[in-house]
Amino acid sequence: MATPMHSAQALIEKIQSLLTDWIAEVEDFVDFLKQQAEYKKTATSKQSLDFPVMSIGKWPNDLSLSREDMYGNDGR
């Protein structure tokens, strides 16, 4: 397996051999990867969310959330 420095150098040489337009695309892709890594890092950190909490009391015992009970059967 290649060492990280050797891999980085090989990647730099490959990028340098590309046309200028392709180098710009590689740069955009690297920026995208960095943004994704930052997003994943912040998304996995435990952050408290301040959602408003509104209590309307207990749910009725006979409440049914089945589709048929809410909308009817309509011949289905």
C-alpha atoms as a PDB file:
ATOM      1  CA  MET A   1       0.000   0.000   0.000  1.00  0.00           C
ATOM      2  CA  ALA A   2       1.263   3.471  -0.858  1.00  0.00           C
ATOM      3  CA  THR A   3       2.205   5.895   1.855  1.00  0.00           C
ATOM      4  CA  PRO A   4      -0.072   8.937   2.251  1.00  0.00           C
ATOM      5  CA  MET A   5       2.676  11.282   1.012  1.00  0.00           C
ATOM      6  CA  HIS A   6       3.323   9.112  -2.047  1.00  0.00           C
ATOM      7  CA  SER A   7      -0.416   8.933  -2.756  1.00  0.00           C
ATOM      8  CA  ALA A   8      -0.751  12.699  -2.408  1.00  0.00           C
ATOM      9  CA  GLN A   9       2.194  13.287  -4.723  1.00  0.00           C
ATOM     10  CA  ALA A  10       0.820  10.841  -7.291  1.00  0.00           C
ATOM     11  CA  LEU A  11      -2.552  12.577  -7.135  1.00  0.00           C
ATOM     12  CA  ILE A  12      -0.930  15.993  -7.587  1.00  0.00           C
ATOM     13  CA  GLU A  13       0.918  14.729 -10.657  1.00  0.00           C
ATOM     14  CA  LYS A  14      -2.281  13.326 -12.135  1.00  0.00           C
ATOM     15  CA  ILE A  15      -4.117  16.598 -11.538  1.00  0.00           C
ATOM     16  CA  GLN A  16      -1.283  18.607 -13.081  1.00  0.00           C
ATOM     17  CA  SER A  17      -1.512  16.495 -16.229  1.00  0.00           C
ATOM     18  CA  LEU A  18      -5.165  17.485 -16.777  1.00  0.00           C
ATOM     19  CA  LEU A  19      -6.451  20.304 -18.939  1.00  0.00           C
ATOM     20  CA  THR A  20      -7.130  23.580 -17.133  1.00  0.00           C
ATOM     21  CA  ASP A  21     -10.925  23.138 -17.326  1.00  0.00           C
ATOM     22  CA  TRP A  22     -10.683  19.695 -15.743  1.00  0.00           C
ATOM     23  CA  ILE A  23      -8.442  21.003 -12.979  1.00  0.00           C
ATOM     24  CA  ALA A  24     -11.168  23.494 -12.071  1.00  0.00           C
ATOM     25  CA  GLU A  25     -13.679  20.637 -11.912  1.00  0.00           C
ATOM     26  CA  VAL A  26     -11.374  18.623  -9.658  1.00  0.00           C
ATOM     27  CA  GLU A  27     -11.041  21.656  -7.394  1.00  0.00           C
ATOM     28  CA  ASP A  28     -14.831  22.031  -7.253  1.00  0.00           C
ATOM     29  CA  PHE A  29     -15.175  18.355  -6.383  1.00  0.00           C
ATOM     30  CA  VAL A  30     -12.596  18.608  -3.604  1.00  0.00           C
ATOM     31  CA  ASP A  31     -14.464  21.623  -2.202  1.00  0.00           C
ATOM     32  CA  PHE A  32     -17.674  19.583  -2.324  1.00  0.00           C
ATOM     33  CA  LEU A  33     -16.040  16.696  -0.454  1.00  0.00           C
ATOM     34  CA  LYS A  34     -14.730  19.065   2.219  1.00  0.00           C
ATOM     35  CA  GLN A  35     -18.195  20.591   2.594  1.00  0.00           C
ATOM     36  CA  GLN A  36     -19.752  17.133   2.953  1.00  0.00           C
ATOM     37  CA  ALA A  37     -17.189  16.136   5.567  1.00  0.00           C
ATOM     38  CA  GLU A  38     -17.920  19.310   7.540  1.00  0.00           C
ATOM     39  CA  TYR A  39     -21.654  18.715   7.256  1.00  0.00           C
ATOM     40  CA  LYS A  40     -21.331  15.128   8.487  1.00  0.00           C
ATOM     41  CA  LYS A  41     -19.153  16.279  11.376  1.00  0.00           C
ATOM     42  CA  THR A  42     -21.700  18.872  12.510  1.00  0.00           C
ATOM     43  CA  ALA A  43     -24.704  16.647  11.787  1.00  0.00           C
ATOM     44  CA  THR A  44     -23.432  13.870  14.031  1.00  0.00           C
ATOM     45  CA  SER A  45     -22.598  16.159  16.926  1.00  0.00           C
ATOM     46  CA  LYS A  46     -25.248  16.295  19.603  1.00  0.00           C
ATOM     47  CA  GLN A  47     -27.017  19.611  19.390  1.00  0.00           C
ATOM     48  CA  SER A  48     -30.116  20.480  21.310  1.00  0.00           C
ATOM     49  CA  LEU A  49     -32.955  21.638  19.133  1.00  0.00           C
ATOM     50  CA  ASP A  50     -35.231  24.321  20.480  1.00  0.00           C
ATOM     51  CA  PHE A  51     -38.564  23.256  19.086  1.00  0.00           C
ATOM     52  CA  PRO A  52     -41.578  24.867  20.674  1.00  0.00           C
ATOM     53  CA  VAL A  53     -43.511  22.392  22.786  1.00  0.00           C
ATOM     54  CA  MET A  54     -47.257  22.727  22.943  1.00  0.00           C
ATOM     55  CA  SER A  55     -49.318  20.334  24.999  1.00  0.00           C
ATOM     56  CA  ILE A  56     -52.977  19.877  24.211  1.00  0.00           C
ATOM     57  CA  GLY A  57     -53.506  17.206  26.806  1.00  0.00           C
ATOM     58  CA  LYS A  58     -53.956  13.440  26.561  1.00  0.00           C
ATOM     59  CA  TRP A  59     -55.022  11.747  23.346  1.00  0.00           C
ATOM     60  CA  PRO A  60     -58.451  10.149  23.494  1.00  0.00           C
ATOM     61  CA  ASN A  61     -58.345   6.389  24.128  1.00  0.00           C
ATOM     62  CA  ASP A  62     -60.637   5.694  21.169  1.00  0.00           C
ATOM     63  CA  LEU A  63     -58.567   7.763  18.678  1.00  0.00           C
ATOM     64  CA  SER A  64     -57.736   5.784  15.562  1.00  0.00           C
ATOM     65  CA  LEU A  65     -55.216   6.996  13.014  1.00  0.00           C
ATOM     66  CA  SER A  66     -55.990   4.374  10.387  1.00  0.00           C
ATOM     67  CA  ARG A  67     -56.690   5.757   6.936  1.00  0.00           C
ATOM     68  CA  GLU A  68     -60.152   4.228   6.742  1.00  0.00           C
ATOM     69  CA  ASP A  69     -61.195   5.771  10.043  1.00  0.00           C
ATOM     70  CA  MET A  70     -59.897   9.196   9.054  1.00  0.00           C
ATOM     71  CA  TYR A  71     -61.060   9.364   5.414  1.00  0.00           C
ATOM     72  CA  GLY A  72     -63.532   6.545   4.967  1.00  0.00           C
ATOM     73  CA  ASN A  73     -63.263   3.530   2.733  1.00  0.00           C
ATOM     74  CA  ASP A  74     -64.456   5.089  -0.562  1.00  0.00           C
ATOM     75  CA  GLY A  75     -64.988   1.659  -2.092  1.00  0.00           C
ATOM     76  CA  ARG A  76     -61.438   0.475  -1.649  1.00  0.00           C
END
